[in-house]
């Protein structure tokens, strides 16, 4: 997901995106929604949240981390 889209989601939830990184902004959105701020953590490997808005990006972060 593009940063502009993430910023729009943040604003819609009453957050001020500022210059936060993608992960920090997604964590803030997750917390604002009452969810665990798990984006980019190893939780994606067994989270079971198939419908999560961030899942594809989260999996990509994990694939990149494993390749490094």
C-alpha atoms as a PDB file:
ATOM      1  CA  UNK A   1       0.000   0.000   0.000  1.00  0.00           C
ATOM      2  CA  UNK A   2       1.274   3.449  -0.844  1.00  0.00           C
ATOM      3  CA  UNK A   3       2.162   5.898   1.922  1.00  0.00           C
ATOM      4  CA  UNK A   4      -0.434   8.383   0.670  1.00  0.00           C
ATOM      5  CA  UNK A   5      -3.154   5.761   1.138  1.00  0.00           C
ATOM      6  CA  UNK A   6      -1.852   4.949   4.620  1.00  0.00           C
ATOM      7  CA  UNK A   7      -1.806   8.645   5.534  1.00  0.00           C
ATOM      8  CA  UNK A   8      -5.419   8.982   4.366  1.00  0.00           C
ATOM      9  CA  UNK A   9      -6.450   6.019   6.527  1.00  0.00           C
ATOM     10  CA  UNK A  10      -4.635   7.565   9.487  1.00  0.00           C
ATOM     11  CA  UNK A  11      -6.377  10.908   9.014  1.00  0.00           C
ATOM     12  CA  UNK A  12      -9.746   9.168   8.715  1.00  0.00           C
ATOM     13  CA  UNK A  13      -9.074   7.681  12.153  1.00  0.00           C
ATOM     14  CA  UNK A  14      -8.181  11.042  13.645  1.00  0.00           C
ATOM     15  CA  UNK A  15      -4.414  10.552  13.596  1.00  0.00           C
ATOM     16  CA  UNK A  16      -1.808  13.043  12.421  1.00  0.00           C
ATOM     17  CA  UNK A  17       0.598  11.164  10.146  1.00  0.00           C
ATOM     18  CA  UNK A  18       3.393  13.726  10.241  1.00  0.00           C
ATOM     19  CA  UNK A  19       6.651  12.214   9.024  1.00  0.00           C
ATOM     20  CA  UNK A  20       6.225   8.796  10.618  1.00  0.00           C
ATOM     21  CA  UNK A  21       7.688   5.788   8.880  1.00  0.00           C
ATOM     22  CA  UNK A  22       5.341   3.349   7.199  1.00  0.00           C
ATOM     23  CA  UNK A  23       5.646   0.843  10.040  1.00  0.00           C
ATOM     24  CA  UNK A  24       5.165   3.471  12.756  1.00  0.00           C
ATOM     25  CA  UNK A  25       2.112   4.898  11.045  1.00  0.00           C
ATOM     26  CA  UNK A  26       0.553   1.472  10.547  1.00  0.00           C
ATOM     27  CA  UNK A  27       1.258   0.654  14.212  1.00  0.00           C
ATOM     28  CA  UNK A  28      -0.515   3.880  15.221  1.00  0.00           C
ATOM     29  CA  UNK A  29      -3.515   2.957  13.066  1.00  0.00           C
ATOM     30  CA  UNK A  30      -3.592  -0.559  14.503  1.00  0.00           C
ATOM     31  CA  UNK A  31      -3.557   0.841  18.048  1.00  0.00           C
ATOM     32  CA  UNK A  32      -6.258   3.412  17.204  1.00  0.00           C
ATOM     33  CA  UNK A  33      -8.433   0.533  15.999  1.00  0.00           C
ATOM     34  CA  UNK A  34      -7.854  -1.369  19.236  1.00  0.00           C
ATOM     35  CA  UNK A  35      -5.575  -3.946  17.634  1.00  0.00           C
ATOM     36  CA  UNK A  36      -2.110  -5.123  18.527  1.00  0.00           C
ATOM     37  CA  UNK A  37       0.548  -3.068  16.677  1.00  0.00           C
ATOM     38  CA  UNK A  38       2.016  -6.105  14.972  1.00  0.00           C
ATOM     39  CA  UNK A  39       2.853  -4.861  11.454  1.00  0.00           C
ATOM     40  CA  UNK A  40       6.277  -6.044  10.342  1.00  0.00           C
ATOM     41  CA  UNK A  41       6.797  -8.388  13.260  1.00  0.00           C
ATOM     42  CA  UNK A  42       7.164 -12.143  13.119  1.00  0.00           C
ATOM     43  CA  UNK A  43       3.555 -12.404  14.272  1.00  0.00           C
ATOM     44  CA  UNK A  44       2.468 -12.441  10.623  1.00  0.00           C
ATOM     45  CA  UNK A  45       3.839 -15.943  10.272  1.00  0.00           C
ATOM     46  CA  UNK A  46       1.103 -17.327  12.523  1.00  0.00           C
ATOM     47  CA  UNK A  47      -1.355 -14.479  13.130  1.00  0.00           C
ATOM     48  CA  UNK A  48      -4.258 -16.021  11.232  1.00  0.00           C
ATOM     49  CA  UNK A  49      -5.614 -12.577  10.252  1.00  0.00           C
ATOM     50  CA  UNK A  50      -6.159 -13.361   6.587  1.00  0.00           C
ATOM     51  CA  UNK A  51      -8.386 -10.300   6.089  1.00  0.00           C
ATOM     52  CA  UNK A  52      -5.948  -7.810   7.613  1.00  0.00           C
ATOM     53  CA  UNK A  53      -5.562  -4.649   5.548  1.00  0.00           C
ATOM     54  CA  UNK A  54      -1.795  -4.734   6.051  1.00  0.00           C
ATOM     55  CA  UNK A  55      -1.190  -8.468   5.498  1.00  0.00           C
ATOM     56  CA  UNK A  56       0.422  -8.306   2.043  1.00  0.00           C
ATOM     57  CA  UNK A  57       2.812  -5.517   3.052  1.00  0.00           C
ATOM     58  CA  UNK A  58       3.531  -7.276   6.322  1.00  0.00           C
ATOM     59  CA  UNK A  59       4.391 -10.529   4.548  1.00  0.00           C
ATOM     60  CA  UNK A  60       6.661  -8.596   2.169  1.00  0.00           C
ATOM     61  CA  UNK A  61       8.505  -7.072   5.149  1.00  0.00           C
ATOM     62  CA  UNK A  62       9.017 -10.532   6.620  1.00  0.00           C
ATOM     63  CA  UNK A  63      10.234 -12.011   3.313  1.00  0.00           C
ATOM     64  CA  UNK A  64      12.754  -9.168   3.021  1.00  0.00           C
ATOM     65  CA  UNK A  65      13.929  -9.686   6.621  1.00  0.00           C
ATOM     66  CA  UNK A  66      14.382 -13.413   6.075  1.00  0.00           C
ATOM     67  CA  UNK A  67      16.378 -12.838   2.890  1.00  0.00           C
ATOM     68  CA  UNK A  68      18.791 -10.502   4.666  1.00  0.00           C
END
